[in-house]
Amino acid sequence: MIASPLTLPNDGVRRAASLDRAHETLMRGAAYLDRHVAPRCDAGVHAPFIGNALGELDRFLNVLVDEVADWIGAPVRPKQRNTANKLSALHRVTGAAVHRRTGHARLSAIGRSREFLKHAGGRDATGAGRMPKAILPLSSAEMTAICRLYSDTARDLHATALALRPR
């Protein structure tokens, strides 16, 4: 009989490594964007580029939430793509301060801005939206604040996972 990866004796080691890797990936991604992309926001870097960069941070956070949920045995849906909702579900399970600094509203707002930047290039082509024919401004300081939000959330999630006993 072939043992599945979940029944191997070193499964805890594998899961811990996955948790640490997801945490480190988000931390490195946020640091990279803060160092290399944020300074270019004031210089007029293309909106779709910023939207894609924010999308990468969100994806890294989504994977980290999955890893934390797996580590503590929380019933969070791995295929849920809305990271703000997924993080809220994890917070409800842990009762920890994971969501204190992040907040569902902040992540949701970043998600809407990200999609706007990525798909509309920062402009409302129809003029029918909330910002008719206007550019969605994202300054270097705002990009740095977003990067900090993601890195703070990564630290909070990782600390919560380590503080809770794995299943």
Protein backbone atom coordinates (compact mmCIF):
# COMPACT_ATOMS: atom_id res chain seq x y z
CA MET A 1 0.00 0.00 0.00
CA ILE A 2 1.29 3.44 -0.90
CA ALA A 3 0.96 6.01 1.87
CA SER A 4 -0.54 9.32 0.90
CA PRO A 5 1.50 12.45 1.71
CA LEU A 6 -0.98 13.30 4.46
CA THR A 7 -0.27 10.10 6.40
CA LEU A 8 3.51 10.20 6.33
CA PRO A 9 5.20 10.67 9.71
CA ASN A 10 6.90 13.88 8.59
CA ASP A 11 3.63 15.51 7.49
CA GLY A 12 3.96 18.11 10.25
CA VAL A 13 7.40 19.05 8.95
CA ARG A 14 6.05 19.37 5.40
CA ARG A 15 3.14 21.53 6.52
CA ALA A 16 5.41 23.72 8.66
CA ALA A 17 7.72 24.20 5.69
CA SER A 18 4.75 25.14 3.47
CA LEU A 19 3.53 27.62 6.08
CA ASP A 20 6.96 29.21 6.39
CA ARG A 21 7.42 29.32 2.61
CA ALA A 22 4.04 31.05 2.08
CA HIS A 23 4.87 33.58 4.82
CA GLU A 24 8.30 34.32 3.38
CA THR A 25 6.92 34.65 -0.16
CA LEU A 26 4.41 37.30 0.91
CA MET A 27 7.04 39.13 2.96
CA ARG A 28 9.50 39.16 0.04
CA GLY A 29 6.79 40.21 -2.41
CA ALA A 30 5.67 43.12 -0.25
CA ALA A 31 9.28 44.23 0.32
CA TYR A 32 10.06 44.04 -3.39
CA LEU A 33 7.02 46.11 -4.37
CA ASP A 34 7.80 48.64 -1.65
CA ARG A 35 11.40 49.01 -2.84
CA HIS A 36 10.94 48.82 -6.61
CA VAL A 37 7.34 49.68 -7.52
CA ALA A 38 6.20 52.19 -4.89
CA PRO A 39 8.83 54.79 -5.84
CA ARG A 40 7.66 54.59 -9.46
CA CYS A 41 3.99 55.28 -8.64
CA ASP A 42 4.56 59.03 -8.47
CA ALA A 43 6.49 58.84 -11.75
CA GLY A 44 3.45 57.55 -13.62
CA VAL A 45 4.10 53.82 -13.91
CA HIS A 46 1.37 52.17 -15.96
CA ALA A 47 -1.82 51.45 -14.02
CA PRO A 48 -2.18 47.85 -15.29
CA PHE A 49 1.33 47.11 -14.02
CA ILE A 50 0.39 48.35 -10.54
CA GLY A 51 -2.87 46.39 -10.70
CA ASN A 52 -0.99 43.22 -11.57
CA ALA A 53 1.54 43.82 -8.79
CA LEU A 54 -1.26 44.25 -6.25
CA GLY A 55 -2.84 41.08 -7.62
CA GLU A 56 0.35 39.16 -6.88
CA LEU A 57 0.37 40.37 -3.28
CA ASP A 58 -3.26 39.36 -2.90
CA ARG A 59 -2.55 35.91 -4.33
CA PHE A 60 0.40 35.42 -1.96
CA LEU A 61 -1.86 36.38 0.96
CA ASN A 62 -4.54 33.98 -0.26
CA VAL A 63 -2.01 31.12 -0.28
CA LEU A 64 -0.78 32.08 3.21
CA VAL A 65 -4.35 32.02 4.54
CA ASP A 66 -4.72 28.51 3.07
CA GLU A 67 -1.50 27.37 4.73
CA VAL A 68 -2.49 28.82 8.12
CA ALA A 69 -5.92 27.20 7.83
CA ASP A 70 -4.32 23.85 7.01
CA TRP A 71 -1.85 24.22 9.87
CA ILE A 72 -4.52 24.85 12.51
CA GLY A 73 -7.23 22.70 10.94
CA ALA A 74 -9.57 25.60 10.20
CA PRO A 75 -12.44 25.01 7.76
CA VAL A 76 -11.52 27.64 5.18
CA ARG A 77 -12.29 26.96 1.52
CA PRO A 78 -9.00 26.66 -0.39
CA LYS A 79 -10.56 27.58 -3.74
CA GLN A 80 -12.15 30.79 -2.45
CA ARG A 81 -10.51 33.56 -4.46
CA ASN A 82 -11.81 36.52 -2.47
CA THR A 83 -8.96 36.95 -0.03
CA ALA A 84 -10.79 39.46 2.18
CA ASN A 85 -13.64 36.99 2.71
CA LYS A 86 -11.25 34.09 3.23
CA LEU A 87 -9.26 36.02 5.83
CA SER A 88 -12.49 37.01 7.60
CA ALA A 89 -13.52 33.34 7.74
CA LEU A 90 -10.15 32.43 9.25
CA HIS A 91 -10.47 35.22 11.79
CA ARG A 92 -13.88 33.95 12.86
CA VAL A 93 -12.38 30.50 13.44
CA THR A 94 -9.27 31.64 15.31
CA GLY A 95 -10.79 34.52 17.22
CA ALA A 96 -7.29 35.98 17.09
CA ALA A 97 -6.28 39.49 16.22
CA VAL A 98 -5.37 38.39 12.70
CA HIS A 99 -7.85 40.79 11.15
CA ARG A 100 -7.33 43.70 13.52
CA ARG A 101 -5.02 45.75 11.31
CA THR A 102 -6.24 44.45 7.99
CA GLY A 103 -9.98 44.63 8.12
CA HIS A 104 -12.32 43.23 5.53
CA ALA A 105 -13.16 46.69 4.20
CA ARG A 106 -9.52 47.63 3.60
CA LEU A 107 -8.69 44.44 1.70
CA SER A 108 -11.93 44.70 -0.28
CA ALA A 109 -11.16 48.30 -1.23
CA ILE A 110 -7.65 47.34 -2.32
CA GLY A 111 -9.18 44.52 -4.37
CA ARG A 112 -11.58 46.87 -6.15
CA SER A 113 -8.77 49.35 -6.84
CA ARG A 114 -6.53 46.54 -8.08
CA GLU A 115 -9.16 45.33 -10.55
CA PHE A 116 -9.84 48.88 -11.70
CA LEU A 117 -6.14 49.52 -12.30
CA LYS A 118 -5.59 46.17 -13.97
CA HIS A 119 -8.56 46.11 -16.31
CA ALA A 120 -9.45 49.74 -16.93
CA GLY A 121 -5.94 51.10 -16.79
CA GLY A 122 -6.99 53.43 -14.01
CA ARG A 123 -9.58 55.13 -16.16
CA ASP A 124 -13.32 54.74 -16.41
CA ALA A 125 -13.72 54.39 -20.17
CA THR A 126 -17.48 54.93 -20.11
CA GLY A 127 -17.53 57.94 -17.83
CA ALA A 128 -20.41 56.29 -15.99
CA GLY A 129 -18.52 55.20 -12.88
CA ARG A 130 -17.88 56.95 -9.62
CA MET A 131 -14.80 58.64 -11.04
CA PRO A 132 -15.91 59.75 -14.51
CA LYS A 133 -13.00 60.07 -16.89
CA ALA A 134 -10.59 60.34 -13.97
CA ILE A 135 -7.41 58.54 -13.12
CA LEU A 136 -7.36 56.52 -9.93
CA PRO A 137 -4.39 58.04 -8.13
CA LEU A 138 -2.09 55.71 -6.25
CA SER A 139 0.87 57.57 -4.82
CA SER A 140 4.16 56.10 -3.70
CA ALA A 141 3.14 56.64 -0.08
CA GLU A 142 -0.14 54.77 -0.63
CA MET A 143 1.64 51.88 -2.33
CA THR A 144 4.08 51.72 0.59
CA ALA A 145 1.14 51.67 3.01
CA ILE A 146 -0.45 48.80 1.06
CA CYS A 147 2.83 46.86 1.11
CA ARG A 148 3.09 47.44 4.85
CA LEU A 149 -0.48 46.25 5.34
CA TYR A 150 0.30 42.99 3.54
CA SER A 151 3.56 42.41 5.42
CA ASP A 152 1.90 43.20 8.78
CA THR A 153 -0.89 40.78 7.92
CA ALA A 154 1.67 38.12 6.99
CA ARG A 155 3.43 38.56 10.33
CA ASP A 156 0.12 38.43 12.24
CA LEU A 157 -1.01 35.30 10.41
CA HIS A 158 2.30 33.52 10.88
CA ALA A 159 2.42 34.38 14.58
CA THR A 160 -1.17 33.20 15.02
CA ALA A 161 -0.42 29.93 13.27
CA LEU A 162 2.65 29.30 15.42
CA ALA A 163 0.74 30.15 18.59
CA LEU A 164 -2.03 27.66 17.82
CA ARG A 165 -1.38 23.96 18.08
CA PRO A 166 -1.47 22.19 14.72
CA ARG A 167 -4.10 19.53 14.29
